[in-house]
Amino acid sequence: MSQPELPPLLREQLARYDQAQQNLQAVLAQKQQVELELSETEKALEELVKASDSEAVYKFAGNLLVRVKKEEVVKELNEKKELSNTRKMVLAKQESRFRESLKDLQTKIDESVKSRPQPAQPPGDA
């Protein structure tokens, strides 16, 4: 027996729900990447704090390692850390909005399904 066609409003709500889920997954993936970068930056800063000012410090420049001043790298990493924290905060707000949107859409979908007239069952199918 074929399924009755979904009403246009319900189809639209389901499509919006699917899109919101995809957006949430994308934001979560970005947030995870930012958190990983932030963790690596913090580890690098911890190691630099341990190093004396006279120790040689190197950083990657493409495929090369280049000697740099410790204070320059510390400044650069602190800026990167600050930027990562800002990005993480923005992504957390986006995540929150998408989760709220999903919750609202789920409620609307549930209401649409409950208010939808159920097809009569032919005798003998019960």
N, C-alpha and C. Protein backbone atom coordinates (compact mmCIF):
# COMPACT_ATOMS: atom_id res chain seq x y z
N MET A 1 0.84 -1.16 0.00
CA MET A 1 0.00 0.00 0.00
C MET A 1 0.89 1.24 0.00
N SER A 2 0.61 2.23 -0.84
CA SER A 2 1.45 3.42 -0.94
C SER A 2 1.15 4.38 0.21
N GLN A 3 2.19 5.12 0.58
CA GLN A 3 2.07 6.12 1.64
C GLN A 3 1.34 7.34 1.09
N PRO A 4 0.44 7.93 1.88
CA PRO A 4 -0.19 9.15 1.43
C PRO A 4 0.85 10.27 1.34
N GLU A 5 0.67 11.17 0.38
CA GLU A 5 1.62 12.25 0.19
C GLU A 5 1.58 13.21 1.38
N LEU A 6 2.76 13.70 1.78
CA LEU A 6 2.85 14.64 2.89
C LEU A 6 2.35 16.02 2.45
N PRO A 7 1.67 16.71 3.33
CA PRO A 7 1.23 18.06 3.00
C PRO A 7 2.44 18.97 2.76
N PRO A 8 2.29 20.00 1.92
CA PRO A 8 3.42 20.89 1.60
C PRO A 8 4.05 21.52 2.85
N LEU A 9 3.25 21.93 3.82
CA LEU A 9 3.80 22.56 5.02
C LEU A 9 4.70 21.59 5.78
N LEU A 10 4.26 20.35 5.91
CA LEU A 10 5.05 19.35 6.61
C LEU A 10 6.34 19.03 5.84
N ARG A 11 6.23 18.94 4.51
CA ARG A 11 7.43 18.70 3.68
C ARG A 11 8.44 19.84 3.87
N GLU A 12 7.93 21.07 3.91
CA GLU A 12 8.81 22.23 4.09
C GLU A 12 9.47 22.19 5.47
N GLN A 13 8.69 21.86 6.49
CA GLN A 13 9.24 21.79 7.84
C GLN A 13 10.32 20.70 7.93
N LEU A 14 10.07 19.58 7.31
CA LEU A 14 11.05 18.49 7.32
C LEU A 14 12.33 18.90 6.58
N ALA A 15 12.17 19.61 5.46
CA ALA A 15 13.34 20.08 4.71
C ALA A 15 14.13 21.10 5.53
N ARG A 16 13.44 21.99 6.21
CA ARG A 16 14.11 22.98 7.06
C ARG A 16 14.83 22.29 8.23
N TYR A 17 14.20 21.26 8.79
CA TYR A 17 14.80 20.50 9.89
C TYR A 17 16.08 19.83 9.40
N ASP A 18 16.01 19.21 8.22
CA ASP A 18 17.17 18.53 7.65
C ASP A 18 18.31 19.53 7.41
N GLN A 19 17.96 20.70 6.88
CA GLN A 19 18.97 21.74 6.62
C GLN A 19 19.58 22.23 7.92
N ALA A 20 18.77 22.42 8.94
CA ALA A 20 19.27 22.87 10.24
C ALA A 20 20.21 21.83 10.84
N GLN A 21 19.88 20.55 10.68
CA GLN A 21 20.76 19.48 11.17
C GLN A 21 22.11 19.51 10.46
N GLN A 22 22.07 19.71 9.14
CA GLN A 22 23.31 19.78 8.37
C GLN A 22 24.15 20.98 8.81
N ASN A 23 23.48 22.12 9.03
CA ASN A 23 24.19 23.32 9.48
C ASN A 23 24.81 23.08 10.86
N LEU A 24 24.07 22.43 11.74
CA LEU A 24 24.58 22.13 13.07
C LEU A 24 25.82 21.24 12.97
N GLN A 25 25.76 20.22 12.13
CA GLN A 25 26.91 19.32 11.98
C GLN A 25 28.13 20.08 11.45
N ALA A 26 27.91 21.00 10.52
CA ALA A 26 29.01 21.79 9.98
C ALA A 26 29.63 22.68 11.07
N VAL A 27 28.78 23.30 11.87
CA VAL A 27 29.27 24.15 12.96
C VAL A 27 30.03 23.32 13.99
N LEU A 28 29.51 22.13 14.31
CA LEU A 28 30.20 21.26 15.28
C LEU A 28 31.57 20.84 14.76
N ALA A 29 31.66 20.55 13.46
CA ALA A 29 32.95 20.17 12.88
C ALA A 29 33.93 21.34 12.93
N GLN A 30 33.44 22.55 12.61
CA GLN A 30 34.30 23.74 12.68
C GLN A 30 34.75 23.99 14.12
N LYS A 31 33.82 23.85 15.05
CA LYS A 31 34.13 24.08 16.47
C LYS A 31 35.18 23.09 16.95
N GLN A 32 35.05 21.84 16.54
CA GLN A 32 36.02 20.82 16.93
C GLN A 32 37.41 21.17 16.37
N GLN A 33 37.45 21.64 15.12
CA GLN A 33 38.72 22.03 14.50
C GLN A 33 39.35 23.20 15.25
N VAL A 34 38.54 24.19 15.60
CA VAL A 34 39.04 25.35 16.34
C VAL A 34 39.56 24.93 17.71
N GLU A 35 38.83 24.03 18.38
CA GLU A 35 39.28 23.55 19.69
C GLU A 35 40.60 22.81 19.59
N LEU A 36 40.79 22.05 18.51
CA LEU A 36 42.05 21.34 18.29
C LEU A 36 43.18 22.34 18.08
N GLU A 37 42.95 23.36 17.23
CA GLU A 37 43.95 24.40 17.00
C GLU A 37 44.29 25.13 18.29
N LEU A 38 43.27 25.41 19.08
CA LEU A 38 43.46 26.12 20.35
C LEU A 38 44.31 25.28 21.29
N SER A 39 44.03 24.00 21.36
CA SER A 39 44.80 23.09 22.22
C SER A 39 46.26 23.04 21.79
N GLU A 40 46.50 22.96 20.48
CA GLU A 40 47.88 22.92 19.97
C GLU A 40 48.61 24.23 20.26
N THR A 41 47.90 25.34 20.13
CA THR A 41 48.49 26.66 20.41
C THR A 41 48.86 26.76 21.88
N GLU A 42 47.96 26.32 22.76
CA GLU A 42 48.24 26.38 24.20
C GLU A 42 49.43 25.50 24.57
N LYS A 43 49.53 24.32 23.95
CA LYS A 43 50.68 23.44 24.22
C LYS A 43 51.98 24.09 23.78
N ALA A 44 51.95 24.73 22.61
CA ALA A 44 53.14 25.41 22.11
C ALA A 44 53.54 26.55 23.04
N LEU A 45 52.56 27.31 23.52
CA LEU A 45 52.86 28.39 24.46
C LEU A 45 53.45 27.85 25.76
N GLU A 46 52.91 26.74 26.25
CA GLU A 46 53.45 26.13 27.47
C GLU A 46 54.92 25.76 27.29
N GLU A 47 55.25 25.20 26.15
CA GLU A 47 56.64 24.81 25.89
C GLU A 47 57.54 26.03 25.77
N LEU A 48 57.03 27.10 25.16
CA LEU A 48 57.83 28.32 25.02
C LEU A 48 58.10 28.96 26.38
N VAL A 49 57.15 28.88 27.29
CA VAL A 49 57.33 29.45 28.62
C VAL A 49 58.48 28.72 29.33
N LYS A 50 58.57 27.42 29.10
CA LYS A 50 59.64 26.62 29.72
C LYS A 50 61.02 26.96 29.16
N ALA A 51 61.06 27.39 27.89
CA ALA A 51 62.34 27.64 27.23
C ALA A 51 62.94 28.95 27.72
N SER A 52 64.26 28.96 27.84
CA SER A 52 64.94 30.20 28.24
C SER A 52 64.99 31.14 27.04
N ASP A 53 65.20 32.41 27.32
CA ASP A 53 65.23 33.39 26.23
C ASP A 53 66.41 33.18 25.29
N SER A 54 67.44 32.51 25.78
CA SER A 54 68.63 32.30 24.95
C SER A 54 68.52 31.06 24.05
N GLU A 55 67.52 30.20 24.31
CA GLU A 55 67.36 28.99 23.49
C GLU A 55 66.86 29.35 22.09
N ALA A 56 67.31 28.59 21.13
CA ALA A 56 66.87 28.79 19.75
C ALA A 56 65.44 28.32 19.59
N VAL A 57 64.64 29.13 18.93
CA VAL A 57 63.25 28.79 18.66
C VAL A 57 63.06 28.81 17.15
N TYR A 58 62.36 27.79 16.64
CA TYR A 58 62.14 27.68 15.21
C TYR A 58 60.64 27.55 14.94
N LYS A 59 60.24 28.01 13.77
CA LYS A 59 58.86 27.80 13.36
C LYS A 59 58.86 27.43 11.88
N PHE A 60 57.78 26.78 11.47
CA PHE A 60 57.65 26.39 10.07
C PHE A 60 57.30 27.61 9.23
N ALA A 61 57.98 27.71 8.09
CA ALA A 61 57.64 28.70 7.07
C ALA A 61 57.57 27.90 5.77
N GLY A 62 56.38 27.39 5.48
CA GLY A 62 56.23 26.49 4.33
C GLY A 62 56.88 25.17 4.68
N ASN A 63 57.86 24.76 3.86
CA ASN A 63 58.56 23.50 4.11
C ASN A 63 59.86 23.69 4.88
N LEU A 64 60.10 24.91 5.34
CA LEU A 64 61.34 25.20 6.03
C LEU A 64 61.11 25.49 7.51
N LEU A 65 62.15 25.23 8.29
CA LEU A 65 62.16 25.68 9.68
C LEU A 65 63.02 26.92 9.72
N VAL A 66 62.48 27.99 10.31
CA VAL A 66 63.19 29.26 10.36
C VAL A 66 63.40 29.64 11.82
N ARG A 67 64.59 30.11 12.12
CA ARG A 67 64.88 30.55 13.50
C ARG A 67 64.20 31.90 13.71
N VAL A 68 63.50 32.02 14.85
CA VAL A 68 62.78 33.26 15.16
C VAL A 68 63.04 33.62 16.62
N LYS A 69 62.72 34.87 16.95
CA LYS A 69 62.85 35.31 18.34
C LYS A 69 61.68 34.75 19.14
N LYS A 70 62.01 34.30 20.35
CA LYS A 70 61.00 33.70 21.22
C LYS A 70 59.82 34.65 21.43
N GLU A 71 60.08 35.92 21.73
CA GLU A 71 59.00 36.85 22.02
C GLU A 71 58.07 37.08 20.82
N GLU A 72 58.63 36.99 19.61
CA GLU A 72 57.80 37.13 18.41
C GLU A 72 56.81 35.96 18.30
N VAL A 73 57.32 34.77 18.56
CA VAL A 73 56.47 33.58 18.47
C VAL A 73 55.42 33.60 19.58
N VAL A 74 55.81 34.00 20.77
CA VAL A 74 54.86 34.07 21.88
C VAL A 74 53.75 35.06 21.53
N LYS A 75 54.12 36.22 21.00
CA LYS A 75 53.12 37.23 20.60
C LYS A 75 52.19 36.66 19.53
N GLU A 76 52.77 36.02 18.54
CA GLU A 76 51.98 35.43 17.44
C GLU A 76 51.02 34.36 17.96
N LEU A 77 51.52 33.50 18.83
CA LEU A 77 50.68 32.43 19.37
C LEU A 77 49.57 32.97 20.27
N ASN A 78 49.87 34.02 21.05
CA ASN A 78 48.84 34.63 21.89
C ASN A 78 47.74 35.25 21.03
N GLU A 79 48.12 35.88 19.92
CA GLU A 79 47.13 36.44 19.00
C GLU A 79 46.28 35.32 18.38
N LYS A 80 46.96 34.24 18.00
CA LYS A 80 46.24 33.10 17.42
C LYS A 80 45.28 32.50 18.45
N LYS A 81 45.72 32.43 19.70
CA LYS A 81 44.88 31.89 20.78
C LYS A 81 43.66 32.78 20.98
N GLU A 82 43.86 34.07 20.98
CA GLU A 82 42.75 35.01 21.16
C GLU A 82 41.75 34.88 20.01
N LEU A 83 42.26 34.79 18.80
CA LEU A 83 41.40 34.64 17.63
C LEU A 83 40.63 33.32 17.70
N SER A 84 41.30 32.26 18.09
CA SER A 84 40.65 30.95 18.21
C SER A 84 39.56 30.97 19.28
N ASN A 85 39.83 31.63 20.39
CA ASN A 85 38.81 31.74 21.45
C ASN A 85 37.59 32.51 20.95
N THR A 86 37.82 33.56 20.18
CA THR A 86 36.71 34.34 19.62
C THR A 86 35.90 33.48 18.64
N ARG A 87 36.60 32.76 17.77
CA ARG A 87 35.92 31.89 16.81
C ARG A 87 35.13 30.80 17.53
N LYS A 88 35.71 30.26 18.58
CA LYS A 88 35.04 29.22 19.36
C LYS A 88 33.75 29.76 19.98
N MET A 89 33.81 30.98 20.50
CA MET A 89 32.64 31.61 21.11
C MET A 89 31.55 31.85 20.06
N VAL A 90 31.93 32.33 18.89
CA VAL A 90 30.96 32.56 17.81
C VAL A 90 30.32 31.24 17.38
N LEU A 91 31.14 30.21 17.23
CA LEU A 91 30.61 28.90 16.83
C LEU A 91 29.69 28.32 17.90
N ALA A 92 30.01 28.55 19.17
CA ALA A 92 29.15 28.07 20.25
C ALA A 92 27.79 28.76 20.19
N LYS A 93 27.78 30.05 19.87
CA LYS A 93 26.50 30.77 19.73
C LYS A 93 25.71 30.23 18.55
N GLN A 94 26.40 29.97 17.43
CA GLN A 94 25.73 29.39 16.26
C GLN A 94 25.17 28.02 16.60
N GLU A 95 25.95 27.22 17.31
CA GLU A 95 25.49 25.89 17.71
C GLU A 95 24.22 26.01 18.54
N SER A 96 24.23 26.92 19.48
CA SER A 96 23.07 27.13 20.35
C SER A 96 21.84 27.53 19.53
N ARG A 97 22.02 28.44 18.58
CA ARG A 97 20.90 28.87 17.73
C ARG A 97 20.36 27.72 16.89
N PHE A 98 21.25 26.92 16.32
CA PHE A 98 20.80 25.78 15.51
C PHE A 98 20.08 24.75 16.37
N ARG A 99 20.58 24.51 17.57
CA ARG A 99 19.90 23.55 18.46
C ARG A 99 18.50 24.06 18.82
N GLU A 100 18.39 25.34 19.10
CA GLU A 100 17.09 25.93 19.43
C GLU A 100 16.15 25.85 18.22
N SER A 101 16.69 26.13 17.04
CA SER A 101 15.91 26.05 15.81
C SER A 101 15.41 24.62 15.57
N LEU A 102 16.29 23.65 15.80
CA LEU A 102 15.91 22.24 15.64
C LEU A 102 14.80 21.87 16.61
N LYS A 103 14.92 22.35 17.84
CA LYS A 103 13.90 22.06 18.85
C LYS A 103 12.55 22.66 18.42
N ASP A 104 12.56 23.91 17.96
CA ASP A 104 11.32 24.56 17.50
C ASP A 104 10.72 23.83 16.30
N LEU A 105 11.58 23.47 15.35
CA LEU A 105 11.10 22.76 14.16
C LEU A 105 10.53 21.39 14.54
N GLN A 106 11.19 20.71 15.48
CA GLN A 106 10.70 19.39 15.91
C GLN A 106 9.31 19.53 16.51
N THR A 107 9.11 20.57 17.32
CA THR A 107 7.79 20.82 17.92
C THR A 107 6.75 21.07 16.84
N LYS A 108 7.09 21.89 15.85
CA LYS A 108 6.15 22.18 14.76
C LYS A 108 5.83 20.93 13.95
N ILE A 109 6.85 20.13 13.70
CA ILE A 109 6.64 18.88 12.93
C ILE A 109 5.73 17.94 13.73
N ASP A 110 6.01 17.81 15.03
CA ASP A 110 5.18 16.94 15.87
C ASP A 110 3.73 17.42 15.86
N GLU A 111 3.53 18.73 15.95
CA GLU A 111 2.16 19.28 15.93
C GLU A 111 1.49 19.02 14.58
N SER A 112 2.25 19.18 13.50
CA SER A 112 1.69 18.93 12.16
C SER A 112 1.28 17.48 11.98
N VAL A 113 2.12 16.57 12.50
CA VAL A 113 1.82 15.14 12.36
C VAL A 113 0.60 14.77 13.21
N LYS A 114 0.53 15.32 14.42
CA LYS A 114 -0.61 15.01 15.31
C LYS A 114 -1.92 15.55 14.75
N SER A 115 -1.88 16.72 14.13
CA SER A 115 -3.11 17.33 13.63
C SER A 115 -3.52 16.80 12.26
N ARG A 116 -2.66 16.02 11.66
CA ARG A 116 -2.93 15.46 10.32
C ARG A 116 -3.97 14.36 10.42
N PRO A 117 -5.00 14.41 9.58
CA PRO A 117 -5.99 13.33 9.62
C PRO A 117 -5.35 12.01 9.20
N GLN A 118 -5.66 10.98 9.95
CA GLN A 118 -5.12 9.66 9.67
C GLN A 118 -6.00 8.96 8.64
N PRO A 119 -5.41 8.30 7.64
CA PRO A 119 -6.21 7.60 6.64
C PRO A 119 -6.97 6.43 7.29
N ALA A 120 -8.15 6.22 6.81
CA ALA A 120 -8.95 5.11 7.32
C ALA A 120 -8.32 3.80 6.90
N GLN A 121 -8.31 2.84 7.80
CA GLN A 121 -7.75 1.53 7.49
C GLN A 121 -8.84 0.65 6.90
N PRO A 122 -8.55 0.00 5.79
CA PRO A 122 -9.55 -0.91 5.23
C PRO A 122 -9.81 -2.05 6.21
N PRO A 123 -11.02 -2.57 6.22
CA PRO A 123 -11.35 -3.69 7.11
C PRO A 123 -10.39 -4.87 6.84
N GLY A 124 -10.00 -5.51 7.91
CA GLY A 124 -9.16 -6.70 7.77
C GLY A 124 -7.69 -6.39 7.92
N ASP A 125 -7.26 -5.11 7.94
CA ASP A 125 -5.85 -4.75 8.09
C ASP A 125 -5.47 -4.61 9.56
N ALA A 126 -6.40 -4.63 10.45
CA ALA A 126 -6.11 -4.38 11.87
C ALA A 126 -5.39 -5.51 12.52
